[in-house]
Amino acid sequence: WKLIIRHKKSRTYLMLSGFFLLYGMIFYANPTYQSEEGFSYLFIFVASFITGIFMLQYGQLFLSWNSANFDFFLNKKDGIAALVRGKYLLFIAISCLCFVLSVPYVYFGWDILLIHLATFIFNVGITIHMVVFMALWKPKPMDLNKGGVFNFEGVGIAQYLMVIPLMAGPYMVFLPFAIWINDYAGLLALAVIGAVGIFFFNPLTQFSIRRVVQHKYEISSSFRQEL
C-alpha cells in the first residue's frame, strides 16, 4: 500500500480502477443490450472487467513494481514468498472492494448482481493465477516515479496478451453451460470453477513462488539493466 500511494504510476493504476467501476453504466443502462430472455452475454465481460480490472492492470507488472528493490527480497529469508503472497492478497482485497462497490448495479436487476458475483469468484479463483503466470514471463525494470499515462516501461508482449484471460477465460466456462442448459447454469459454472480455484489457492500460489525462485537470478539481472 505504501508503494502504491507513494509513486505516480501505481497511484494512477489505482485511480483508474476506481474510474472503471462506472464502466457498467455504459452497458447496463443501454436498451440496446437488454434482452427479454436471460441477459446479454456482453455483461460477462463487463462484470469481469469491473471486478478484475485492478489485478489485470497492476498484475501485468507483477514484479516490475519492485524492480528497484527486488534484491532486498531476494536476500531476505522467505522474502520472495512474502512478496508474491502479499501481491496476491492485495489483488484479492482490491477485487473484493470493487465487487462491494459494484453492488449498487443491482438497481438494473438482480441478474447484474449475480453476474458480478460469479465473475468475481472466477477472477479471484482462476483469472488471478493466469495473470500472474503471464506476468512472470521475462519481467522488465520500471521507474515508479514516472507517470502512468503513456508510460510503457515494464510492458512486454506478455502484458499485451494478458487481456486474453480476462476476456476469454470466463466465456470458455460460461458459454457451454449457457448454450446447453441456460444462462444461470453458466453463471453457476463460473462460480463453481472459481470456488475450486479458491480452494486450491495455496498450491497455485506456491507454483508462482517456485517459478520466481527458480528464475530469481535471471530476474534480478534483468532488473539491474539501465532503464
Protein backbone atom coordinates (compact mmCIF):
# COMPACT_ATOMS: atom_id res chain seq x y z
CA TRP A 1 0.00 0.00 0.00
CA LYS A 2 2.84 2.39 0.80
CA LEU A 3 4.42 1.66 -2.59
CA ILE A 4 1.13 2.29 -4.41
CA ILE A 5 0.39 5.59 -2.67
CA ARG A 6 3.97 6.86 -2.82
CA HIS A 7 4.53 6.61 -6.59
CA LYS A 8 2.79 8.27 -9.52
CA LYS A 9 2.36 5.26 -11.77
CA SER A 10 0.90 2.95 -9.12
CA ARG A 11 -1.45 5.71 -7.90
CA THR A 12 -2.65 6.19 -11.47
CA TYR A 13 -3.48 2.49 -11.80
CA LEU A 14 -5.39 2.54 -8.52
CA MET A 15 -7.40 5.61 -9.55
CA LEU A 16 -8.19 4.05 -12.94
CA SER A 17 -9.61 1.01 -11.17
CA GLY A 18 -11.98 3.31 -9.30
CA PHE A 19 -12.91 5.12 -12.50
CA PHE A 20 -13.68 1.86 -14.33
CA LEU A 21 -16.24 0.98 -11.66
CA LEU A 22 -18.54 3.23 -13.70
CA TYR A 23 -17.94 1.13 -16.81
CA GLY A 24 -21.21 -0.70 -16.31
CA MET A 25 -23.22 2.48 -16.79
CA ILE A 26 -22.36 2.38 -20.49
CA PHE A 27 -23.97 -1.03 -20.95
CA TYR A 28 -26.43 -1.79 -18.15
CA ALA A 29 -28.44 1.36 -18.76
CA ASN A 30 -28.40 0.99 -22.56
CA PRO A 31 -31.62 -0.54 -24.01
CA THR A 32 -29.56 -1.95 -26.89
CA TYR A 33 -28.07 -4.54 -24.55
CA GLN A 34 -31.31 -5.54 -22.87
CA SER A 35 -32.77 -8.98 -23.54
CA GLU A 36 -36.26 -10.28 -22.93
CA GLU A 37 -34.89 -13.74 -22.12
CA GLY A 38 -31.88 -14.00 -19.84
CA PHE A 39 -29.25 -11.29 -20.24
CA SER A 40 -26.74 -10.06 -22.78
CA TYR A 41 -23.60 -12.21 -22.82
CA LEU A 42 -21.58 -9.00 -23.12
CA PHE A 43 -22.36 -8.41 -19.44
CA ILE A 44 -19.99 -11.25 -18.53
CA PHE A 45 -17.06 -9.27 -19.90
CA VAL A 46 -18.28 -6.03 -18.33
CA ALA A 47 -18.60 -7.64 -14.89
CA SER A 48 -15.21 -9.37 -15.22
CA PHE A 49 -13.69 -6.03 -16.16
CA ILE A 50 -15.25 -4.17 -13.23
CA THR A 51 -14.32 -6.72 -10.56
CA GLY A 52 -10.92 -7.67 -12.01
CA ILE A 53 -9.50 -4.54 -13.63
CA PHE A 54 -7.02 -3.84 -10.83
CA MET A 55 -5.49 -7.33 -10.87
CA LEU A 56 -5.15 -7.01 -14.65
CA GLN A 57 -3.63 -3.52 -14.67
CA TYR A 58 -1.43 -3.81 -11.59
CA GLY A 59 -0.83 -7.54 -12.02
CA GLN A 60 0.54 -7.20 -15.54
CA LEU A 61 3.64 -5.62 -13.96
CA PHE A 62 3.67 -8.10 -11.09
CA LEU A 63 7.39 -7.95 -10.22
CA SER A 64 8.32 -4.84 -12.20
CA TRP A 65 6.84 -2.70 -9.42
CA ASN A 66 9.65 -3.98 -7.20
CA SER A 67 12.44 -3.89 -9.78
CA ALA A 68 14.35 -1.25 -7.78
CA ASN A 69 14.33 -3.28 -4.55
CA PHE A 70 13.98 -6.85 -5.81
CA ASP A 71 17.43 -7.77 -4.42
CA PHE A 72 16.16 -6.86 -0.94
CA PHE A 73 13.51 -9.58 -1.15
CA LEU A 74 15.99 -11.91 -2.81
CA ASN A 75 18.40 -11.71 0.12
CA LYS A 76 15.76 -11.86 2.82
CA LYS A 77 14.66 -15.19 4.27
CA ASP A 78 11.36 -16.16 2.63
CA GLY A 79 11.40 -12.71 1.01
CA ILE A 80 10.26 -13.95 -2.39
CA ALA A 81 7.40 -15.93 -0.86
CA ALA A 82 6.31 -12.92 1.21
CA LEU A 83 6.45 -10.65 -1.84
CA VAL A 84 4.36 -12.96 -4.03
CA ARG A 85 1.79 -13.75 -1.33
CA GLY A 86 1.50 -10.06 -0.46
CA LYS A 87 0.66 -9.17 -4.03
CA TYR A 88 -1.90 -11.96 -4.25
CA LEU A 89 -3.60 -10.67 -1.12
CA LEU A 90 -3.50 -7.13 -2.50
CA PHE A 91 -5.26 -8.25 -5.70
CA ILE A 92 -7.90 -10.12 -3.73
CA ALA A 93 -8.50 -7.20 -1.35
CA ILE A 94 -8.95 -4.68 -4.19
CA SER A 95 -11.17 -7.09 -6.15
CA CYS A 96 -13.35 -7.58 -3.04
CA LEU A 97 -13.62 -3.81 -2.69
CA CYS A 98 -14.51 -3.41 -6.38
CA PHE A 99 -17.21 -6.06 -6.04
CA VAL A 100 -18.71 -4.43 -2.96
CA LEU A 101 -18.69 -1.01 -4.63
CA SER A 102 -20.38 -2.51 -7.70
CA VAL A 103 -23.31 -3.91 -5.70
CA PRO A 104 -25.48 -0.80 -6.42
CA TYR A 105 -25.67 -2.04 -10.02
CA VAL A 106 -28.41 -4.31 -8.66
CA TYR A 107 -30.60 -1.32 -9.49
CA PHE A 108 -30.56 -2.59 -13.07
CA GLY A 109 -31.72 -6.04 -11.97
CA TRP A 110 -30.78 -8.95 -9.76
CA ASP A 111 -29.23 -10.62 -12.80
CA ILE A 112 -26.48 -7.99 -12.75
CA LEU A 113 -25.61 -8.75 -9.14
CA LEU A 114 -25.46 -12.48 -9.88
CA ILE A 115 -23.19 -11.84 -12.87
CA HIS A 116 -20.87 -9.69 -10.77
CA LEU A 117 -20.76 -12.30 -8.00
CA ALA A 118 -20.00 -15.18 -10.39
CA THR A 119 -17.31 -13.28 -12.30
CA PHE A 120 -15.78 -12.00 -9.06
CA ILE A 121 -15.41 -15.55 -7.72
CA PHE A 122 -13.96 -16.68 -11.06
CA ASN A 123 -11.49 -13.77 -11.10
CA VAL A 124 -10.28 -14.47 -7.57
CA GLY A 125 -10.07 -18.22 -8.10
CA ILE A 126 -8.81 -18.51 -11.68
CA THR A 127 -8.04 -15.25 -13.50
CA ILE A 128 -5.66 -14.05 -10.79
CA HIS A 129 -3.37 -17.05 -11.34
CA MET A 130 -3.50 -16.71 -15.12
CA VAL A 131 -2.48 -13.06 -14.88
CA VAL A 132 0.40 -13.79 -12.51
CA PHE A 133 1.60 -16.69 -14.68
CA MET A 134 1.84 -14.44 -17.74
CA ALA A 135 3.31 -11.51 -15.78
CA LEU A 136 6.23 -13.68 -14.65
CA TRP A 137 7.37 -14.18 -18.22
CA LYS A 138 10.51 -12.03 -18.60
CA PRO A 139 9.53 -9.11 -16.30
CA LYS A 140 11.19 -5.79 -17.15
CA PRO A 141 12.53 -2.97 -14.91
CA MET A 142 10.45 0.14 -14.34
CA ASP A 143 10.85 3.61 -12.83
CA LEU A 144 7.93 4.17 -10.47
CA ASN A 145 8.43 7.92 -10.24
CA LYS A 146 7.36 8.44 -13.84
CA GLY A 147 3.69 9.00 -14.60
CA GLY A 148 1.36 6.16 -15.56
CA VAL A 149 -0.22 7.75 -18.62
CA PHE A 150 1.50 6.77 -21.89
CA ASN A 151 4.31 5.20 -19.87
CA PHE A 152 5.06 1.74 -21.23
CA GLU A 153 8.08 0.88 -19.09
CA GLY A 154 7.92 -2.69 -17.84
CA VAL A 155 5.45 -3.64 -20.56
CA GLY A 156 6.29 -6.51 -22.90
CA ILE A 157 4.37 -8.82 -25.20
CA ALA A 158 3.06 -10.85 -22.26
CA GLN A 159 1.39 -7.72 -20.86
CA TYR A 160 -0.39 -7.06 -24.15
CA LEU A 161 -1.59 -10.66 -24.31
CA MET A 162 -2.81 -10.56 -20.73
CA VAL A 163 -6.20 -9.19 -21.70
CA ILE A 164 -6.96 -12.58 -23.26
CA PRO A 165 -7.59 -14.45 -19.97
CA LEU A 166 -9.82 -11.66 -18.71
CA MET A 167 -11.88 -11.74 -21.90
CA ALA A 168 -11.80 -15.38 -23.00
CA GLY A 169 -11.45 -17.24 -19.69
CA PRO A 170 -14.96 -16.61 -18.30
CA TYR A 171 -16.61 -17.28 -21.66
CA MET A 172 -14.85 -20.64 -22.04
CA VAL A 173 -16.62 -21.75 -18.88
CA PHE A 174 -19.88 -19.82 -19.22
CA LEU A 175 -20.87 -20.41 -22.84
CA PRO A 176 -21.06 -24.23 -22.94
CA PHE A 177 -23.40 -24.34 -19.94
CA ALA A 178 -25.38 -21.30 -21.11
CA ILE A 179 -25.94 -22.84 -24.54
CA TRP A 180 -26.66 -26.40 -23.38
CA ILE A 181 -28.72 -25.55 -20.29
CA ASN A 182 -29.39 -21.84 -19.61
CA ASP A 183 -27.68 -18.58 -18.68
CA TYR A 184 -27.90 -19.19 -14.95
CA ALA A 185 -26.26 -22.59 -15.29
CA GLY A 186 -23.38 -20.74 -16.98
CA LEU A 187 -23.12 -18.35 -14.03
CA LEU A 188 -23.19 -21.29 -11.61
CA ALA A 189 -20.38 -22.96 -13.57
CA LEU A 190 -18.30 -19.77 -13.34
CA ALA A 191 -18.82 -19.60 -9.59
CA VAL A 192 -18.07 -23.30 -9.06
CA ILE A 193 -14.86 -23.25 -11.13
CA GLY A 194 -13.79 -20.08 -9.32
CA ALA A 195 -14.55 -21.68 -5.95
CA VAL A 196 -12.38 -24.68 -6.89
CA GLY A 197 -9.54 -22.25 -7.68
CA ILE A 198 -10.02 -20.58 -4.30
CA PHE A 199 -9.95 -23.99 -2.58
CA PHE A 200 -6.60 -24.73 -4.23
CA PHE A 201 -5.32 -21.20 -3.67
CA ASN A 202 -2.25 -22.23 -1.65
CA PRO A 203 -0.92 -24.85 -4.13
CA LEU A 204 -1.46 -22.47 -7.05
CA THR A 205 0.29 -19.68 -5.16
CA GLN A 206 3.19 -21.99 -4.34
CA PHE A 207 3.56 -22.71 -8.06
CA SER A 208 4.08 -18.98 -8.72
CA ILE A 209 6.51 -18.70 -5.79
CA ARG A 210 8.57 -21.64 -7.06
CA ARG A 211 8.66 -20.11 -10.52
CA VAL A 212 10.04 -16.83 -9.18
CA VAL A 213 12.59 -18.65 -7.01
CA GLN A 214 13.76 -20.77 -9.95
CA HIS A 215 14.38 -17.68 -12.09
CA LYS A 216 15.32 -15.24 -9.31
CA TYR A 217 18.86 -14.56 -10.55
CA GLU A 218 17.73 -14.08 -14.12
CA ILE A 219 15.01 -11.67 -12.96
CA SER A 220 17.43 -9.80 -10.68
CA SER A 221 19.94 -9.44 -13.52
CA SER A 222 17.21 -8.09 -15.80
CA PHE A 223 16.14 -5.53 -13.20
CA ARG A 224 19.71 -4.21 -12.93
CA GLN A 225 19.68 -3.17 -16.57
CA GLU A 226 19.63 0.56 -17.18
CA LEU A 227 16.16 1.94 -17.76
